[in-house]
Amino acid sequence: MGRIGSTIDERTAAFVESQPVFFVATAPLDAGGHVNCSPKGNRGELVVLDERRAAYLDQTGSGIETVAHLRENGRIVLMACAFVGPPRIVRLHGRGEVVPAGDPRFAELRGRFSAPPAADVGARSVVVVTVDRVSDSCGYGVPLMAFEAHRDTMQAWADRKGVDGIASYQAEKNAVSIDGLPGL
């Protein structure tokens, strides 16, 4: 069943955008560095921009691996898989660009997401992926699981911290990656 292409068709875009969780993987160039794979909740924070580009709203977190790796080498893969319905896995391989919240392009990109405005409190960037390989596979090994709801913990944390608190947290926790690469 595996299919490989270089563009994101409408069916694939609809599938990827509708998944409540997706995964982001990156790695540094140094073979001794740490590969990173992060799960991301999708409350409208993942969007296909066109047949060659996807983007996600990057929330503040305890690490900065994805941003650091992208700034170093640009390599990234986004993966979505079906936990309900027919089995399916889609991987979007490509080159990622970090568009920080202070960048003039951020507001324009933010307008493409259906994520609630409250998500903006903790948003640190938009990651835009220019896709060069789209793989679509069976997903037979992915378990069936029922989606209950998105957690509100991250949003509540960001709201408590506020804009200034988020900026302080990013300065302390998101300055460098675990391998010492520059982050924010």
C-alpha atoms as a PDB file:
ATOM      1  CA  MET A   1       0.000   0.000   0.000  1.00  0.00           C
ATOM      2  CA  GLY A   2       2.952   2.372   0.430  1.00  0.00           C
ATOM      3  CA  ARG A   3       2.966   5.371  -1.892  1.00  0.00           C
ATOM      4  CA  ILE A   4       5.696   7.945  -2.293  1.00  0.00           C
ATOM      5  CA  GLY A   5       5.340  11.331  -3.935  1.00  0.00           C
ATOM      6  CA  SER A   6       6.697  14.858  -3.809  1.00  0.00           C
ATOM      7  CA  THR A   7       3.495  16.847  -3.299  1.00  0.00           C
ATOM      8  CA  ILE A   8       0.636  16.935  -0.794  1.00  0.00           C
ATOM      9  CA  ASP A   9      -2.670  16.187  -2.495  1.00  0.00           C
ATOM     10  CA  GLU A  10      -6.059  17.259  -1.107  1.00  0.00           C
ATOM     11  CA  ARG A  11      -6.830  13.837   0.399  1.00  0.00           C
ATOM     12  CA  THR A  12      -3.501  13.748   2.218  1.00  0.00           C
ATOM     13  CA  ALA A  13      -3.888  17.344   3.402  1.00  0.00           C
ATOM     14  CA  ALA A  14      -7.346  16.597   4.827  1.00  0.00           C
ATOM     15  CA  PHE A  15      -6.035  13.503   6.622  1.00  0.00           C
ATOM     16  CA  VAL A  16      -3.008  15.250   8.147  1.00  0.00           C
ATOM     17  CA  GLU A  17      -4.970  18.296   9.293  1.00  0.00           C
ATOM     18  CA  SER A  18      -7.710  16.179  10.885  1.00  0.00           C
ATOM     19  CA  GLN A  19      -5.469  14.132  13.181  1.00  0.00           C
ATOM     20  CA  PRO A  20      -5.626  15.233  16.850  1.00  0.00           C
ATOM     21  CA  VAL A  21      -1.914  14.488  17.297  1.00  0.00           C
ATOM     22  CA  PHE A  22       1.109  14.565  15.008  1.00  0.00           C
ATOM     23  CA  PHE A  23       4.809  13.980  15.519  1.00  0.00           C
ATOM     24  CA  VAL A  24       7.862  16.049  14.595  1.00  0.00           C
ATOM     25  CA  ALA A  25      11.338  14.520  14.216  1.00  0.00           C
ATOM     26  CA  THR A  26      14.680  16.244  13.663  1.00  0.00           C
ATOM     27  CA  ALA A  27      18.348  15.509  14.297  1.00  0.00           C
ATOM     28  CA  PRO A  28      21.584  17.469  14.569  1.00  0.00           C
ATOM     29  CA  LEU A  29      24.431  16.923  12.123  1.00  0.00           C
ATOM     30  CA  ASP A  30      26.709  15.584  14.872  1.00  0.00           C
ATOM     31  CA  ALA A  31      26.392  11.784  14.957  1.00  0.00           C
ATOM     32  CA  GLY A  32      26.778  11.971  18.735  1.00  0.00           C
ATOM     33  CA  GLY A  33      23.917  14.441  19.054  1.00  0.00           C
ATOM     34  CA  HIS A  34      20.418  13.571  20.170  1.00  0.00           C
ATOM     35  CA  VAL A  35      17.665  12.735  17.684  1.00  0.00           C
ATOM     36  CA  ASN A  36      14.432  14.403  18.726  1.00  0.00           C
ATOM     37  CA  CYS A  37      10.841  13.258  18.239  1.00  0.00           C
ATOM     38  CA  SER A  38       8.069  15.390  19.711  1.00  0.00           C
ATOM     39  CA  PRO A  39       4.331  14.732  19.872  1.00  0.00           C
ATOM     40  CA  LYS A  40       2.163  17.758  19.138  1.00  0.00           C
ATOM     41  CA  GLY A  41      -1.495  18.239  19.898  1.00  0.00           C
ATOM     42  CA  ASN A  42      -3.457  19.490  16.936  1.00  0.00           C
ATOM     43  CA  ARG A  43      -6.261  21.894  17.813  1.00  0.00           C
ATOM     44  CA  GLY A  44      -5.946  23.503  14.416  1.00  0.00           C
ATOM     45  CA  GLU A  45      -2.203  24.018  14.868  1.00  0.00           C
ATOM     46  CA  LEU A  46      -1.180  22.034  11.775  1.00  0.00           C
ATOM     47  CA  VAL A  47      -2.066  23.244   8.310  1.00  0.00           C
ATOM     48  CA  VAL A  48      -1.151  22.390   4.752  1.00  0.00           C
ATOM     49  CA  LEU A  49      -0.331  25.699   3.061  1.00  0.00           C
ATOM     50  CA  ASP A  50      -0.106  24.332  -0.483  1.00  0.00           C
ATOM     51  CA  GLU A  51       0.981  21.198  -2.324  1.00  0.00           C
ATOM     52  CA  ARG A  52       4.615  21.662  -1.249  1.00  0.00           C
ATOM     53  CA  ARG A  53       4.339  23.284   2.199  1.00  0.00           C
ATOM     54  CA  ALA A  54       2.913  22.451   5.604  1.00  0.00           C
ATOM     55  CA  ALA A  55       3.264  24.442   8.805  1.00  0.00           C
ATOM     56  CA  TYR A  56       2.568  24.122  12.483  1.00  0.00           C
ATOM     57  CA  LEU A  57       2.184  26.582  15.342  1.00  0.00           C
ATOM     58  CA  ASP A  58       5.104  25.821  17.660  1.00  0.00           C
ATOM     59  CA  GLN A  59       4.227  26.186  21.329  1.00  0.00           C
ATOM     60  CA  THR A  60       6.716  27.039  24.084  1.00  0.00           C
ATOM     61  CA  GLY A  61       8.047  23.896  25.704  1.00  0.00           C
ATOM     62  CA  SER A  62      10.775  22.693  28.012  1.00  0.00           C
ATOM     63  CA  GLY A  63      13.174  22.075  25.119  1.00  0.00           C
ATOM     64  CA  ILE A  64      14.194  23.739  21.889  1.00  0.00           C
ATOM     65  CA  GLU A  65      15.532  20.776  19.928  1.00  0.00           C
ATOM     66  CA  THR A  66      13.409  21.180  16.796  1.00  0.00           C
ATOM     67  CA  VAL A  67      14.216  24.875  16.429  1.00  0.00           C
ATOM     68  CA  ALA A  68      17.932  24.290  17.082  1.00  0.00           C
ATOM     69  CA  HIS A  69      18.146  21.407  14.613  1.00  0.00           C
ATOM     70  CA  LEU A  70      16.302  23.346  11.926  1.00  0.00           C
ATOM     71  CA  ARG A  71      18.575  26.322  12.339  1.00  0.00           C
ATOM     72  CA  GLU A  72      21.583  24.036  12.057  1.00  0.00           C
ATOM     73  CA  ASN A  73      20.573  21.838   9.117  1.00  0.00           C
ATOM     74  CA  GLY A  74      16.878  22.214   8.210  1.00  0.00           C
ATOM     75  CA  ARG A  75      16.030  18.487   8.109  1.00  0.00           C
ATOM     76  CA  ILE A  76      12.574  17.547   9.428  1.00  0.00           C
ATOM     77  CA  VAL A  77       9.791  15.012   9.116  1.00  0.00           C
ATOM     78  CA  LEU A  78       6.175  15.436  10.247  1.00  0.00           C
ATOM     79  CA  MET A  79       4.186  12.249  10.828  1.00  0.00           C
ATOM     80  CA  ALA A  80       0.464  11.731  11.328  1.00  0.00           C
ATOM     81  CA  CYS A  81      -1.179   8.372  11.871  1.00  0.00           C
ATOM     82  CA  ALA A  82      -4.751   7.187  12.199  1.00  0.00           C
ATOM     83  CA  PHE A  83      -5.721   5.933  15.640  1.00  0.00           C
ATOM     84  CA  VAL A  84      -9.364   5.582  14.524  1.00  0.00           C
ATOM     85  CA  GLY A  85     -10.834   4.514  11.204  1.00  0.00           C
ATOM     86  CA  PRO A  86      -8.847   2.914   8.412  1.00  0.00           C
ATOM     87  CA  PRO A  87      -5.144   2.422   9.184  1.00  0.00           C
ATOM     88  CA  ARG A  88      -2.856   5.031   7.646  1.00  0.00           C
ATOM     89  CA  ILE A  89       0.459   6.776   8.253  1.00  0.00           C
ATOM     90  CA  VAL A  90       1.614   9.883   6.393  1.00  0.00           C
ATOM     91  CA  ARG A  91       5.125  11.302   6.637  1.00  0.00           C
ATOM     92  CA  LEU A  92       6.054  14.716   5.234  1.00  0.00           C
ATOM     93  CA  HIS A  93       9.836  14.905   4.775  1.00  0.00           C
ATOM     94  CA  GLY A  94      11.502  18.176   3.940  1.00  0.00           C
ATOM     95  CA  ARG A  95      13.325  21.292   5.017  1.00  0.00           C
ATOM     96  CA  GLY A  96      11.995  23.364   7.872  1.00  0.00           C
ATOM     97  CA  GLU A  97      12.179  27.070   8.518  1.00  0.00           C
ATOM     98  CA  VAL A  98      11.508  28.673  11.891  1.00  0.00           C
ATOM     99  CA  VAL A  99       9.475  31.884  11.729  1.00  0.00           C
ATOM    100  CA  PRO A 100       9.707  33.382  15.251  1.00  0.00           C
ATOM    101  CA  ALA A 101       6.756  35.172  16.840  1.00  0.00           C
ATOM    102  CA  GLY A 102       8.513  38.547  16.355  1.00  0.00           C
ATOM    103  CA  ASP A 103       9.033  38.040  12.609  1.00  0.00           C
ATOM    104  CA  PRO A 104       6.689  40.102  10.361  1.00  0.00           C
ATOM    105  CA  ARG A 105       5.698  36.889   8.506  1.00  0.00           C
ATOM    106  CA  PHE A 106       4.434  35.315  11.750  1.00  0.00           C
ATOM    107  CA  ALA A 107       1.094  37.180  11.795  1.00  0.00           C
ATOM    108  CA  GLU A 108       0.345  36.275   8.176  1.00  0.00           C
ATOM    109  CA  LEU A 109       1.141  32.613   8.803  1.00  0.00           C
ATOM    110  CA  ARG A 110      -0.805  32.618  12.104  1.00  0.00           C
ATOM    111  CA  GLY A 111      -3.871  33.654  10.127  1.00  0.00           C
ATOM    112  CA  ARG A 112      -3.780  30.306   8.298  1.00  0.00           C
ATOM    113  CA  PHE A 113      -4.388  28.262  11.460  1.00  0.00           C
ATOM    114  CA  SER A 114      -7.760  27.563  13.037  1.00  0.00           C
ATOM    115  CA  ALA A 115      -6.184  27.147  16.502  1.00  0.00           C
ATOM    116  CA  PRO A 116      -7.982  29.227  19.137  1.00  0.00           C
ATOM    117  CA  PRO A 117      -6.542  32.713  19.807  1.00  0.00           C
ATOM    118  CA  ALA A 118      -5.637  31.574  23.322  1.00  0.00           C
ATOM    119  CA  ALA A 119      -2.913  29.426  21.701  1.00  0.00           C
ATOM    120  CA  ASP A 120      -1.025  32.625  20.869  1.00  0.00           C
ATOM    121  CA  VAL A 121       0.050  33.211  24.490  1.00  0.00           C
ATOM    122  CA  GLY A 122       2.565  30.356  24.363  1.00  0.00           C
ATOM    123  CA  ALA A 123       3.316  30.362  20.631  1.00  0.00           C
ATOM    124  CA  ARG A 124       7.017  30.895  20.008  1.00  0.00           C
ATOM    125  CA  SER A 125       7.146  30.337  16.252  1.00  0.00           C
ATOM    126  CA  VAL A 126       5.600  28.857  13.155  1.00  0.00           C
ATOM    127  CA  VAL A 127       7.589  26.031  11.621  1.00  0.00           C
ATOM    128  CA  VAL A 128       7.154  25.933   7.841  1.00  0.00           C
ATOM    129  CA  VAL A 129       8.133  22.693   6.114  1.00  0.00           C
ATOM    130  CA  THR A 130       8.918  22.682   2.408  1.00  0.00           C
ATOM    131  CA  VAL A 131       8.173  19.092   1.482  1.00  0.00           C
ATOM    132  CA  ASP A 132      10.335  17.043  -0.869  1.00  0.00           C
ATOM    133  CA  ARG A 133       8.970  13.585  -0.036  1.00  0.00           C
ATOM    134  CA  VAL A 134       5.480  12.481   0.970  1.00  0.00           C
ATOM    135  CA  SER A 135       5.131   8.874   2.069  1.00  0.00           C
ATOM    136  CA  ASP A 136       1.782   7.251   2.696  1.00  0.00           C
ATOM    137  CA  SER A 137       1.775   3.789   4.241  1.00  0.00           C
ATOM    138  CA  CYS A 138      -0.634   1.267   5.700  1.00  0.00           C
ATOM    139  CA  GLY A 139      -0.403   1.845   9.444  1.00  0.00           C
ATOM    140  CA  TYR A 140      -1.444  -1.726  10.197  1.00  0.00           C
ATOM    141  CA  GLY A 141       0.780  -1.715  13.310  1.00  0.00           C
ATOM    142  CA  VAL A 142      -0.779   1.434  14.794  1.00  0.00           C
ATOM    143  CA  PRO A 143      -3.265   0.575  17.555  1.00  0.00           C
ATOM    144  CA  LEU A 144      -6.876   1.712  17.564  1.00  0.00           C
ATOM    145  CA  MET A 145      -7.375   4.278  20.310  1.00  0.00           C
ATOM    146  CA  ALA A 146     -10.248   6.569  21.192  1.00  0.00           C
ATOM    147  CA  PHE A 147      -9.588  10.306  21.361  1.00  0.00           C
ATOM    148  CA  GLU A 148     -11.055  11.868  24.494  1.00  0.00           C
ATOM    149  CA  ALA A 149     -10.010  15.506  24.411  1.00  0.00           C
ATOM    150  CA  HIS A 150      -7.053  17.832  24.214  1.00  0.00           C
ATOM    151  CA  ARG A 151      -5.464  18.597  27.571  1.00  0.00           C
ATOM    152  CA  ASP A 152      -5.842  22.179  28.767  1.00  0.00           C
ATOM    153  CA  THR A 153      -2.683  22.012  30.907  1.00  0.00           C
ATOM    154  CA  MET A 154      -0.324  23.743  28.448  1.00  0.00           C
ATOM    155  CA  GLN A 155      -2.780  26.553  27.789  1.00  0.00           C
ATOM    156  CA  ALA A 156      -3.422  27.058  31.512  1.00  0.00           C
ATOM    157  CA  TRP A 157       0.360  27.114  32.135  1.00  0.00           C
ATOM    158  CA  ALA A 158       0.907  29.718  29.395  1.00  0.00           C
ATOM    159  CA  ASP A 159      -2.010  31.826  30.643  1.00  0.00           C
ATOM    160  CA  ARG A 160      -0.619  31.799  34.211  1.00  0.00           C
ATOM    161  CA  LYS A 161       2.827  32.836  32.984  1.00  0.00           C
ATOM    162  CA  GLY A 162       1.529  35.550  30.666  1.00  0.00           C
ATOM    163  CA  VAL A 163       3.524  37.139  27.874  1.00  0.00           C
ATOM    164  CA  ASP A 164       6.361  38.386  30.128  1.00  0.00           C
ATOM    165  CA  GLY A 165       6.593  35.097  31.997  1.00  0.00           C
ATOM    166  CA  ILE A 166       6.732  33.148  28.729  1.00  0.00           C
ATOM    167  CA  ALA A 167       9.534  35.430  27.496  1.00  0.00           C
ATOM    168  CA  SER A 168      11.503  34.824  30.716  1.00  0.00           C
ATOM    169  CA  TYR A 169      10.921  31.076  30.477  1.00  0.00           C
ATOM    170  CA  GLN A 170      12.084  31.018  26.854  1.00  0.00           C
ATOM    171  CA  ALA A 171      15.224  32.994  27.759  1.00  0.00           C
ATOM    172  CA  GLU A 172      16.028  30.470  30.495  1.00  0.00           C
ATOM    173  CA  LYS A 173      14.899  27.155  28.955  1.00  0.00           C
ATOM    174  CA  ASN A 174      14.961  27.707  25.182  1.00  0.00           C
ATOM    175  CA  ALA A 175      18.312  29.443  24.625  1.00  0.00           C
ATOM    176  CA  VAL A 176      20.251  26.285  23.696  1.00  0.00           C
ATOM    177  CA  SER A 177      19.451  22.676  22.833  1.00  0.00           C
ATOM    178  CA  ILE A 178      20.548  19.698  24.927  1.00  0.00           C
ATOM    179  CA  ASP A 179      23.524  19.379  22.554  1.00  0.00           C
ATOM    180  CA  GLY A 180      24.492  23.055  22.949  1.00  0.00           C
ATOM    181  CA  LEU A 181      23.074  24.295  19.625  1.00  0.00           C
ATOM    182  CA  PRO A 182      21.570  27.812  19.584  1.00  0.00           C
ATOM    183  CA  GLY A 183      17.795  27.891  20.103  1.00  0.00           C
ATOM    184  CA  LEU A 184      15.877  31.121  20.612  1.00  0.00           C
END
